[in-house]
């Protein structure tokens, strides 16, 4: 799938394919309240397109770890801010095909806090759609690398989630049912559902393209 065409037009003509592109940023730790002002922090990010926000999280299976939520409502994280990245000219159906293709490269069991995290995923989306990268400070932790991993809160040290009796933890706060891929029927594969603790926000995995 090629890049979406970035639009900076201010004309009033209706275009159902045109949509805003927004980077939504969340805090993973209260420490950000202090470190954010010096350009450092531990963040989760998601990209908002066509009224949905897309992110990447960890689980134990070799299937898509890409999920969608309502914008600015990713459970388990504290919303901090949004960065407008302009508008793109891409229909919702074309974007769906784009994100399903991308999801095939982002399986839940490949998540790594330093080398392949949610911010790498956001950057990949934005670069493929616009040719530009997300702000460097959003993923500065990953660029500093494992040298400073000892500074991370203990809850974020693991690069993968560990199994618990009923759920897999996703980035410490989100949950994925422990149903194995072989136990998921065709209907569930098309719309696998994450069940957040508060039960008030729908989180759906994006099915990866074959």
C-alpha atoms as a PDB file:
ATOM      1  CA  UNK A   1       0.000   0.000   0.000  1.00  0.00           C
ATOM      2  CA  UNK A   2       1.435   3.355  -1.015  1.00  0.00           C
ATOM      3  CA  UNK A   3       1.564   6.508   0.997  1.00  0.00           C
ATOM      4  CA  UNK A   4      -1.563   8.469   1.682  1.00  0.00           C
ATOM      5  CA  UNK A   5      -1.494  11.880   0.072  1.00  0.00           C
ATOM      6  CA  UNK A   6      -0.888  14.572   2.678  1.00  0.00           C
ATOM      7  CA  UNK A   7      -3.298  17.462   2.324  1.00  0.00           C
ATOM      8  CA  UNK A   8      -2.812  20.995   3.613  1.00  0.00           C
ATOM      9  CA  UNK A   9      -5.759  22.359   1.655  1.00  0.00           C
ATOM     10  CA  UNK A  10      -8.122  24.828   3.261  1.00  0.00           C
ATOM     11  CA  UNK A  11     -10.822  24.693   0.571  1.00  0.00           C
ATOM     12  CA  UNK A  12     -14.400  23.809   1.541  1.00  0.00           C
ATOM     13  CA  UNK A  13     -14.995  21.034  -0.948  1.00  0.00           C
ATOM     14  CA  UNK A  14     -16.271  17.840   0.668  1.00  0.00           C
ATOM     15  CA  UNK A  15     -13.922  14.868   0.516  1.00  0.00           C
ATOM     16  CA  UNK A  16     -15.016  11.730   2.353  1.00  0.00           C
ATOM     17  CA  UNK A  17     -11.553  10.230   1.904  1.00  0.00           C
ATOM     18  CA  UNK A  18      -9.737  13.035   3.685  1.00  0.00           C
ATOM     19  CA  UNK A  19      -9.040  12.421   7.358  1.00  0.00           C
ATOM     20  CA  UNK A  20      -6.939  13.978  10.081  1.00  0.00           C
ATOM     21  CA  UNK A  21      -3.790  12.202  11.221  1.00  0.00           C
ATOM     22  CA  UNK A  22      -3.114  12.620  14.938  1.00  0.00           C
ATOM     23  CA  UNK A  23      -0.526  11.170  17.286  1.00  0.00           C
ATOM     24  CA  UNK A  24      -2.018  10.565  20.750  1.00  0.00           C
ATOM     25  CA  UNK A  25       0.515  10.248  23.569  1.00  0.00           C
ATOM     26  CA  UNK A  26       0.092   8.639  26.996  1.00  0.00           C
ATOM     27  CA  UNK A  27       2.210   8.410  30.142  1.00  0.00           C
ATOM     28  CA  UNK A  28       3.384   4.973  31.257  1.00  0.00           C
ATOM     29  CA  UNK A  29       4.655   6.269  34.585  1.00  0.00           C
ATOM     30  CA  UNK A  30       3.967   9.269  36.885  1.00  0.00           C
ATOM     31  CA  UNK A  31       7.700  10.033  36.607  1.00  0.00           C
ATOM     32  CA  UNK A  32       6.864  11.689  33.292  1.00  0.00           C
ATOM     33  CA  UNK A  33       5.326  14.623  35.150  1.00  0.00           C
ATOM     34  CA  UNK A  34       8.863  15.615  36.098  1.00  0.00           C
ATOM     35  CA  UNK A  35      10.981  14.305  33.235  1.00  0.00           C
ATOM     36  CA  UNK A  36       8.672  15.442  30.399  1.00  0.00           C
ATOM     37  CA  UNK A  37       9.843  19.040  30.752  1.00  0.00           C
ATOM     38  CA  UNK A  38      13.452  18.095  30.040  1.00  0.00           C
ATOM     39  CA  UNK A  39      12.502  16.077  26.969  1.00  0.00           C
ATOM     40  CA  UNK A  40      12.541  12.617  28.511  1.00  0.00           C
ATOM     41  CA  UNK A  41       9.824  10.176  29.503  1.00  0.00           C
ATOM     42  CA  UNK A  42       8.299   6.727  29.094  1.00  0.00           C
ATOM     43  CA  UNK A  43       5.385   7.003  26.696  1.00  0.00           C
ATOM     44  CA  UNK A  44       2.796   4.955  24.872  1.00  0.00           C
ATOM     45  CA  UNK A  45       1.498   6.338  21.589  1.00  0.00           C
ATOM     46  CA  UNK A  46      -1.228   5.563  19.113  1.00  0.00           C
ATOM     47  CA  UNK A  47      -2.171   6.991  15.727  1.00  0.00           C
ATOM     48  CA  UNK A  48      -5.674   8.357  15.168  1.00  0.00           C
ATOM     49  CA  UNK A  49      -7.106   7.901  11.674  1.00  0.00           C
ATOM     50  CA  UNK A  50     -10.753   7.914  10.524  1.00  0.00           C
ATOM     51  CA  UNK A  51     -12.035   8.282  14.068  1.00  0.00           C
ATOM     52  CA  UNK A  52     -10.125   5.324  15.543  1.00  0.00           C
ATOM     53  CA  UNK A  53      -6.792   5.080  17.326  1.00  0.00           C
ATOM     54  CA  UNK A  54      -4.328   2.305  16.448  1.00  0.00           C
ATOM     55  CA  UNK A  55      -1.625   0.994  18.764  1.00  0.00           C
ATOM     56  CA  UNK A  56       0.643  -1.999  19.294  1.00  0.00           C
ATOM     57  CA  UNK A  57       0.848  -4.144  22.434  1.00  0.00           C
ATOM     58  CA  UNK A  58       2.432  -7.338  23.684  1.00  0.00           C
ATOM     59  CA  UNK A  59       0.885 -10.772  24.114  1.00  0.00           C
ATOM     60  CA  UNK A  60       2.173 -14.346  23.925  1.00  0.00           C
ATOM     61  CA  UNK A  61       0.874 -15.341  20.501  1.00  0.00           C
ATOM     62  CA  UNK A  62       2.221 -15.182  16.948  1.00  0.00           C
ATOM     63  CA  UNK A  63      -0.782 -13.152  15.780  1.00  0.00           C
ATOM     64  CA  UNK A  64      -1.458  -9.455  15.391  1.00  0.00           C
ATOM     65  CA  UNK A  65      -0.684  -7.255  18.367  1.00  0.00           C
ATOM     66  CA  UNK A  66      -2.165  -4.221  16.611  1.00  0.00           C
ATOM     67  CA  UNK A  67      -5.370  -2.974  18.229  1.00  0.00           C
ATOM     68  CA  UNK A  68      -7.872  -0.152  17.850  1.00  0.00           C
ATOM     69  CA  UNK A  69      -9.579   1.939  20.519  1.00  0.00           C
ATOM     70  CA  UNK A  70     -11.536   5.151  20.753  1.00  0.00           C
ATOM     71  CA  UNK A  71      -9.137   8.109  20.389  1.00  0.00           C
ATOM     72  CA  UNK A  72      -7.454   9.303  23.608  1.00  0.00           C
ATOM     73  CA  UNK A  73      -9.043   6.425  25.565  1.00  0.00           C
ATOM     74  CA  UNK A  74      -6.431   3.661  25.578  1.00  0.00           C
ATOM     75  CA  UNK A  75      -7.053   1.943  28.937  1.00  0.00           C
ATOM     76  CA  UNK A  76      -4.238   1.454  31.396  1.00  0.00           C
ATOM     77  CA  UNK A  77      -2.441   4.645  30.378  1.00  0.00           C
ATOM     78  CA  UNK A  78      -2.779   8.291  31.310  1.00  0.00           C
ATOM     79  CA  UNK A  79      -3.507  10.483  28.283  1.00  0.00           C
ATOM     80  CA  UNK A  80      -1.040  13.359  28.011  1.00  0.00           C
ATOM     81  CA  UNK A  81      -1.422  15.200  24.703  1.00  0.00           C
ATOM     82  CA  UNK A  82      -2.096  14.997  20.981  1.00  0.00           C
ATOM     83  CA  UNK A  83       0.047  16.158  18.073  1.00  0.00           C
ATOM     84  CA  UNK A  84      -1.677  17.009  14.814  1.00  0.00           C
ATOM     85  CA  UNK A  85       0.177  15.644  11.803  1.00  0.00           C
ATOM     86  CA  UNK A  86      -2.069  17.232   9.181  1.00  0.00           C
ATOM     87  CA  UNK A  87      -4.563  15.422   6.981  1.00  0.00           C
ATOM     88  CA  UNK A  88      -4.217  12.572   4.518  1.00  0.00           C
ATOM     89  CA  UNK A  89      -6.332  11.613   1.523  1.00  0.00           C
ATOM     90  CA  UNK A  90      -7.059   7.911   2.049  1.00  0.00           C
ATOM     91  CA  UNK A  91     -10.433   6.197   2.243  1.00  0.00           C
ATOM     92  CA  UNK A  92     -11.343   4.216   5.348  1.00  0.00           C
ATOM     93  CA  UNK A  93     -11.321   0.988   3.321  1.00  0.00           C
ATOM     94  CA  UNK A  94      -7.862   1.722   1.903  1.00  0.00           C
ATOM     95  CA  UNK A  95      -6.576   2.540   5.359  1.00  0.00           C
ATOM     96  CA  UNK A  96      -8.045  -0.688   6.728  1.00  0.00           C
ATOM     97  CA  UNK A  97      -6.164  -2.658   4.085  1.00  0.00           C
ATOM     98  CA  UNK A  98      -3.014  -0.672   4.934  1.00  0.00           C
ATOM     99  CA  UNK A  99      -3.245  -1.341   8.695  1.00  0.00           C
ATOM    100  CA  UNK A 100      -4.020  -5.050   8.191  1.00  0.00           C
ATOM    101  CA  UNK A 101      -0.937  -5.386   6.000  1.00  0.00           C
ATOM    102  CA  UNK A 102       1.150  -3.564   8.596  1.00  0.00           C
ATOM    103  CA  UNK A 103      -0.230  -5.777  11.373  1.00  0.00           C
ATOM    104  CA  UNK A 104       1.399  -8.807   9.768  1.00  0.00           C
ATOM    105  CA  UNK A 105       4.762  -7.322  10.836  1.00  0.00           C
ATOM    106  CA  UNK A 106       3.629  -6.609  14.399  1.00  0.00           C
ATOM    107  CA  UNK A 107       2.749  -9.848  16.171  1.00  0.00           C
ATOM    108  CA  UNK A 108       2.132  -9.572  19.886  1.00  0.00           C
ATOM    109  CA  UNK A 109       4.976 -11.924  20.766  1.00  0.00           C
ATOM    110  CA  UNK A 110       7.498  -9.741  18.914  1.00  0.00           C
ATOM    111  CA  UNK A 111       6.901  -6.694  21.128  1.00  0.00           C
ATOM    112  CA  UNK A 112      10.112  -5.401  22.721  1.00  0.00           C
ATOM    113  CA  UNK A 113      10.250  -2.320  24.925  1.00  0.00           C
ATOM    114  CA  UNK A 114      13.559  -1.143  23.455  1.00  0.00           C
ATOM    115  CA  UNK A 115      13.671  -2.411  19.868  1.00  0.00           C
ATOM    116  CA  UNK A 116      10.038  -2.854  18.761  1.00  0.00           C
ATOM    117  CA  UNK A 117       7.531  -1.004  20.889  1.00  0.00           C
ATOM    118  CA  UNK A 118       4.305   0.934  20.408  1.00  0.00           C
ATOM    119  CA  UNK A 119       6.202   4.090  19.408  1.00  0.00           C
ATOM    120  CA  UNK A 120       8.114   2.257  16.682  1.00  0.00           C
ATOM    121  CA  UNK A 121       4.731   1.135  15.398  1.00  0.00           C
ATOM    122  CA  UNK A 122       3.327   4.680  15.446  1.00  0.00           C
ATOM    123  CA  UNK A 123       6.412   5.981  13.677  1.00  0.00           C
ATOM    124  CA  UNK A 124       6.093   3.275  11.032  1.00  0.00           C
ATOM    125  CA  UNK A 125       2.479   4.259  10.305  1.00  0.00           C
ATOM    126  CA  UNK A 126       3.256   7.975  10.113  1.00  0.00           C
ATOM    127  CA  UNK A 127       6.345   7.510   7.946  1.00  0.00           C
ATOM    128  CA  UNK A 128       4.548   5.231   5.489  1.00  0.00           C
ATOM    129  CA  UNK A 129       1.636   7.678   5.203  1.00  0.00           C
ATOM    130  CA  UNK A 130       3.505  10.985   5.162  1.00  0.00           C
ATOM    131  CA  UNK A 131       7.231  10.369   4.687  1.00  0.00           C
ATOM    132  CA  UNK A 132       7.851  12.042   8.067  1.00  0.00           C
ATOM    133  CA  UNK A 133       8.735  10.666  11.510  1.00  0.00           C
ATOM    134  CA  UNK A 134       7.028  11.239  14.854  1.00  0.00           C
ATOM    135  CA  UNK A 135       8.791  13.658  17.259  1.00  0.00           C
ATOM    136  CA  UNK A 136      12.041  12.169  18.542  1.00  0.00           C
ATOM    137  CA  UNK A 137      11.230  12.730  22.225  1.00  0.00           C
ATOM    138  CA  UNK A 138       8.281  10.314  22.099  1.00  0.00           C
ATOM    139  CA  UNK A 139      10.605   7.316  21.692  1.00  0.00           C
ATOM    140  CA  UNK A 140      13.831   8.721  23.111  1.00  0.00           C
ATOM    141  CA  UNK A 141      13.958   5.958  25.716  1.00  0.00           C
ATOM    142  CA  UNK A 142      14.293   3.289  23.021  1.00  0.00           C
ATOM    143  CA  UNK A 143      17.069   5.196  21.260  1.00  0.00           C
ATOM    144  CA  UNK A 144      19.033   5.406  24.501  1.00  0.00           C
ATOM    145  CA  UNK A 145      18.832   1.636  24.497  1.00  0.00           C
ATOM    146  CA  UNK A 146      19.333  -1.027  27.092  1.00  0.00           C
ATOM    147  CA  UNK A 147      22.182   0.928  28.706  1.00  0.00           C
ATOM    148  CA  UNK A 148      19.598   2.786  30.770  1.00  0.00           C
ATOM    149  CA  UNK A 149      17.040  -0.011  31.171  1.00  0.00           C
ATOM    150  CA  UNK A 150      17.918  -0.168  34.875  1.00  0.00           C
ATOM    151  CA  UNK A 151      16.168   3.197  35.270  1.00  0.00           C
ATOM    152  CA  UNK A 152      12.813   1.787  34.159  1.00  0.00           C
ATOM    153  CA  UNK A 153      10.143   0.985  36.717  1.00  0.00           C
ATOM    154  CA  UNK A 154      10.167  -2.721  37.587  1.00  0.00           C
ATOM    155  CA  UNK A 155       6.724  -3.163  36.029  1.00  0.00           C
ATOM    156  CA  UNK A 156       8.147  -2.085  32.638  1.00  0.00           C
ATOM    157  CA  UNK A 157      11.405  -4.042  32.729  1.00  0.00           C
ATOM    158  CA  UNK A 158      10.028  -7.133  30.973  1.00  0.00           C
ATOM    159  CA  UNK A 159      10.027  -6.947  27.200  1.00  0.00           C
ATOM    160  CA  UNK A 160       7.200  -9.506  27.042  1.00  0.00           C
ATOM    161  CA  UNK A 161       4.185 -10.199  29.116  1.00  0.00           C
ATOM    162  CA  UNK A 162       4.017 -13.119  31.480  1.00  0.00           C
ATOM    163  CA  UNK A 163       1.037 -15.430  31.776  1.00  0.00           C
ATOM    164  CA  UNK A 164      -1.296 -15.125  34.737  1.00  0.00           C
ATOM    165  CA  UNK A 165      -4.212 -17.482  35.540  1.00  0.00           C
ATOM    166  CA  UNK A 166      -6.933 -15.753  33.515  1.00  0.00           C
ATOM    167  CA  UNK A 167      -5.306 -13.028  31.453  1.00  0.00           C
ATOM    168  CA  UNK A 168      -2.094 -11.920  29.808  1.00  0.00           C
ATOM    169  CA  UNK A 169      -0.896  -8.519  30.924  1.00  0.00           C
ATOM    170  CA  UNK A 170      -0.326  -6.084  28.054  1.00  0.00           C
ATOM    171  CA  UNK A 171       2.217  -3.372  28.841  1.00  0.00           C
ATOM    172  CA  UNK A 172       1.369  -3.821  32.511  1.00  0.00           C
ATOM    173  CA  UNK A 173      -2.276  -2.691  32.379  1.00  0.00           C
ATOM    174  CA  UNK A 174      -4.229  -4.032  29.405  1.00  0.00           C
ATOM    175  CA  UNK A 175      -5.554  -7.609  29.224  1.00  0.00           C
ATOM    176  CA  UNK A 176      -5.803 -10.311  26.592  1.00  0.00           C
ATOM    177  CA  UNK A 177      -7.756 -13.522  27.071  1.00  0.00           C
ATOM    178  CA  UNK A 178      -5.479 -16.578  27.299  1.00  0.00           C
ATOM    179  CA  UNK A 179      -7.423 -18.371  24.572  1.00  0.00           C
ATOM    180  CA  UNK A 180      -4.885 -19.913  22.207  1.00  0.00           C
ATOM    181  CA  UNK A 181      -5.085 -19.298  18.440  1.00  0.00           C
ATOM    182  CA  UNK A 182      -6.271 -22.876  17.862  1.00  0.00           C
ATOM    183  CA  UNK A 183      -9.191 -22.273  20.217  1.00  0.00           C
ATOM    184  CA  UNK A 184     -10.377 -19.099  18.467  1.00  0.00           C
ATOM    185  CA  UNK A 185     -13.179 -19.680  15.958  1.00  0.00           C
ATOM    186  CA  UNK A 186     -13.409 -17.861  12.625  1.00  0.00           C
ATOM    187  CA  UNK A 187     -15.740 -15.171  13.970  1.00  0.00           C
ATOM    188  CA  UNK A 188     -13.378 -14.324  16.836  1.00  0.00           C
ATOM    189  CA  UNK A 189     -10.372 -14.251  14.502  1.00  0.00           C
ATOM    190  CA  UNK A 190     -12.007 -11.480  12.504  1.00  0.00           C
ATOM    191  CA  UNK A 191     -12.627  -9.371  15.598  1.00  0.00           C
ATOM    192  CA  UNK A 192     -10.528 -10.618  18.542  1.00  0.00           C
ATOM    193  CA  UNK A 193     -11.375  -8.562  21.603  1.00  0.00           C
ATOM    194  CA  UNK A 194      -9.210  -7.277  24.414  1.00  0.00           C
ATOM    195  CA  UNK A 195     -11.017  -6.969  27.732  1.00  0.00           C
ATOM    196  CA  UNK A 196      -9.748  -3.985  29.740  1.00  0.00           C
ATOM    197  CA  UNK A 197     -10.130  -4.145  33.502  1.00  0.00           C
ATOM    198  CA  UNK A 198     -12.692  -1.377  33.691  1.00  0.00           C
ATOM    199  CA  UNK A 199     -14.832  -3.045  31.021  1.00  0.00           C
ATOM    200  CA  UNK A 200     -15.889   0.353  29.681  1.00  0.00           C
ATOM    201  CA  UNK A 201     -13.598   0.715  26.652  1.00  0.00           C
ATOM    202  CA  UNK A 202     -13.667  -1.548  23.605  1.00  0.00           C
ATOM    203  CA  UNK A 203     -10.229  -2.657  22.422  1.00  0.00           C
ATOM    204  CA  UNK A 204     -10.151  -4.765  19.284  1.00  0.00           C
ATOM    205  CA  UNK A 205      -7.207  -6.451  17.650  1.00  0.00           C
ATOM    206  CA  UNK A 206      -6.752  -5.770  13.964  1.00  0.00           C
ATOM    207  CA  UNK A 207      -6.646  -8.996  11.996  1.00  0.00           C
ATOM    208  CA  UNK A 208      -3.391  -9.176  10.020  1.00  0.00           C
ATOM    209  CA  UNK A 209      -3.545  -9.650   6.272  1.00  0.00           C
ATOM    210  CA  UNK A 210      -2.586 -13.172   5.112  1.00  0.00           C
END
